[in-house]
Amino acid sequence: MLAIRYDALYHPKLNIKAVRLFAILGTLVRCPKESCNPSNDYLSYKSAQTERSVERNLKLLSDFGFIKRESKPNRKIWILPSQNKGVL
């Protein structure tokens, strides 16, 4: 079963494709301090979005504090803990 954080699911400015992408990233990261490095091509395939949409939605997730991205020297993505107390 796939669990999606409540604050991401009901965030007023995230579209459903960004939420889907966040859920996919959640399956790739096993613990909070671990990062993942999927390609845009892989995320595009798994989320049924274009690579441009993936990039746009990763930026949305980053801007609203759901993920942290690092691109140099190798791409890494971390899922950040929820800012809402009591929310998983």
C-alpha atoms as a PDB file:
ATOM      1  CA  MET A   1       0.000   0.000   0.000  1.00  0.00           C
ATOM      2  CA  LEU A   2       1.268   3.458  -0.896  1.00  0.00           C
ATOM      3  CA  ALA A   3       0.904   6.212   1.688  1.00  0.00           C
ATOM      4  CA  ILE A   4       0.910   9.862   0.671  1.00  0.00           C
ATOM      5  CA  ARG A   5       1.523  12.559   3.239  1.00  0.00           C
ATOM      6  CA  TYR A   6      -1.633  14.481   4.107  1.00  0.00           C
ATOM      7  CA  ASP A   7       0.068  17.877   3.737  1.00  0.00           C
ATOM      8  CA  ALA A   8       1.127  17.001   0.171  1.00  0.00           C
ATOM      9  CA  LEU A   9      -2.180  15.457  -0.820  1.00  0.00           C
ATOM     10  CA  TYR A  10      -4.229  18.471   0.278  1.00  0.00           C
ATOM     11  CA  HIS A  11      -1.760  21.265  -0.461  1.00  0.00           C
ATOM     12  CA  PRO A  12      -3.735  23.989  -2.273  1.00  0.00           C
ATOM     13  CA  LYS A  13      -0.996  24.799  -4.803  1.00  0.00           C
ATOM     14  CA  LEU A  14       0.183  21.289  -5.749  1.00  0.00           C
ATOM     15  CA  ASN A  15      -1.388  19.689  -8.795  1.00  0.00           C
ATOM     16  CA  ILE A  16      -2.217  15.988  -8.912  1.00  0.00           C
ATOM     17  CA  LYS A  17       0.808  15.241 -11.100  1.00  0.00           C
ATOM     18  CA  ALA A  18       3.138  16.759  -8.489  1.00  0.00           C
ATOM     19  CA  VAL A  19       1.463  14.675  -5.779  1.00  0.00           C
ATOM     20  CA  ARG A  20       1.871  11.546  -7.931  1.00  0.00           C
ATOM     21  CA  LEU A  21       5.541  12.377  -8.450  1.00  0.00           C
ATOM     22  CA  PHE A  22       5.980  12.905  -4.690  1.00  0.00           C
ATOM     23  CA  ALA A  23       4.452   9.476  -4.039  1.00  0.00           C
ATOM     24  CA  ILE A  24       6.840   7.853  -6.526  1.00  0.00           C
ATOM     25  CA  LEU A  25       9.817   9.567  -4.899  1.00  0.00           C
ATOM     26  CA  GLY A  26       8.548   8.241  -1.560  1.00  0.00           C
ATOM     27  CA  THR A  27       8.838   4.688  -2.855  1.00  0.00           C
ATOM     28  CA  LEU A  28      12.472   5.307  -3.854  1.00  0.00           C
ATOM     29  CA  VAL A  29      13.620   6.681  -0.485  1.00  0.00           C
ATOM     30  CA  ARG A  30      13.580   4.213   2.398  1.00  0.00           C
ATOM     31  CA  CYS A  31      14.510   6.465   5.308  1.00  0.00           C
ATOM     32  CA  PRO A  32      14.411  10.260   5.868  1.00  0.00           C
ATOM     33  CA  LYS A  33      18.171  10.817   5.595  1.00  0.00           C
ATOM     34  CA  GLU A  34      18.529   8.766   2.428  1.00  0.00           C
ATOM     35  CA  SER A  35      18.523  10.328  -1.029  1.00  0.00           C
ATOM     36  CA  CYS A  36      17.600   8.938  -4.418  1.00  0.00           C
ATOM     37  CA  ASN A  37      18.821   9.850  -7.888  1.00  0.00           C
ATOM     38  CA  PRO A  38      16.227   8.860 -10.498  1.00  0.00           C
ATOM     39  CA  SER A  39      16.479  10.259 -13.992  1.00  0.00           C
ATOM     40  CA  ASN A  40      13.768  12.462 -15.442  1.00  0.00           C
ATOM     41  CA  ASP A  41      13.199   9.732 -18.019  1.00  0.00           C
ATOM     42  CA  TYR A  42      12.485   7.164 -15.289  1.00  0.00           C
ATOM     43  CA  LEU A  43      10.212   9.558 -13.366  1.00  0.00           C
ATOM     44  CA  SER A  44       8.466  10.465 -16.598  1.00  0.00           C
ATOM     45  CA  TYR A  45       7.745   6.811 -17.344  1.00  0.00           C
ATOM     46  CA  LYS A  46       6.588   5.961 -13.811  1.00  0.00           C
ATOM     47  CA  SER A  47       4.343   9.026 -13.424  1.00  0.00           C
ATOM     48  CA  ALA A  48       2.972   9.144 -17.003  1.00  0.00           C
ATOM     49  CA  GLN A  49       4.199  12.728 -17.527  1.00  0.00           C
ATOM     50  CA  THR A  50       6.503  14.381 -20.016  1.00  0.00           C
ATOM     51  CA  GLU A  51      10.067  15.054 -18.877  1.00  0.00           C
ATOM     52  CA  ARG A  52       9.295  18.784 -18.927  1.00  0.00           C
ATOM     53  CA  SER A  53       6.307  18.223 -16.598  1.00  0.00           C
ATOM     54  CA  VAL A  54       8.511  16.165 -14.288  1.00  0.00           C
ATOM     55  CA  GLU A  55      11.033  19.011 -14.092  1.00  0.00           C
ATOM     56  CA  ARG A  56       8.272  21.564 -13.450  1.00  0.00           C
ATOM     57  CA  ASN A  57       6.688  19.422 -10.734  1.00  0.00           C
ATOM     58  CA  LEU A  58      10.047  18.725  -9.057  1.00  0.00           C
ATOM     59  CA  LYS A  59      10.515  22.496  -8.884  1.00  0.00           C
ATOM     60  CA  LEU A  60       7.044  22.877  -7.328  1.00  0.00           C
ATOM     61  CA  LEU A  61       7.814  20.207  -4.728  1.00  0.00           C
ATOM     62  CA  SER A  62      11.129  21.877  -3.974  1.00  0.00           C
ATOM     63  CA  ASP A  63       9.639  25.395  -3.768  1.00  0.00           C
ATOM     64  CA  PHE A  64       6.975  24.276  -1.276  1.00  0.00           C
ATOM     65  CA  GLY A  65       9.479  22.404   0.917  1.00  0.00           C
ATOM     66  CA  PHE A  66       8.532  18.797   0.198  1.00  0.00           C
ATOM     67  CA  ILE A  67      11.865  17.821  -1.346  1.00  0.00           C
ATOM     68  CA  LYS A  68      15.433  19.076  -1.468  1.00  0.00           C
ATOM     69  CA  ARG A  69      17.401  18.762  -4.707  1.00  0.00           C
ATOM     70  CA  GLU A  70      21.100  18.868  -5.409  1.00  0.00           C
ATOM     71  CA  SER A  71      22.393  18.626  -8.946  1.00  0.00           C
ATOM     72  CA  LYS A  72      26.151  19.034  -8.673  1.00  0.00           C
ATOM     73  CA  PRO A  73      28.200  16.822  -9.013  1.00  0.00           C
ATOM     74  CA  ASN A  74      25.503  14.097  -9.092  1.00  0.00           C
ATOM     75  CA  ARG A  75      21.764  14.587  -8.883  1.00  0.00           C
ATOM     76  CA  LYS A  76      20.244  13.762  -5.485  1.00  0.00           C
ATOM     77  CA  ILE A  77      16.721  14.195  -4.143  1.00  0.00           C
ATOM     78  CA  TRP A  78      15.730  14.047  -0.481  1.00  0.00           C
ATOM     79  CA  ILE A  79      12.207  13.982   0.911  1.00  0.00           C
ATOM     80  CA  LEU A  80      11.979  16.560   3.687  1.00  0.00           C
ATOM     81  CA  PRO A  81      10.026  15.916   6.898  1.00  0.00           C
ATOM     82  CA  SER A  82       6.553  17.358   7.233  1.00  0.00           C
ATOM     83  CA  GLN A  83       6.347  20.889   8.662  1.00  0.00           C
ATOM     84  CA  ASN A  84       2.964  20.081  10.241  1.00  0.00           C
ATOM     85  CA  LYS A  85       3.186  18.530  13.686  1.00  0.00           C
ATOM     86  CA  GLY A  86       1.307  15.269  13.980  1.00  0.00           C
ATOM     87  CA  VAL A  87       1.281  14.618  10.235  1.00  0.00           C
ATOM     88  CA  LEU A  88       3.282  11.724   8.816  1.00  0.00           C
END
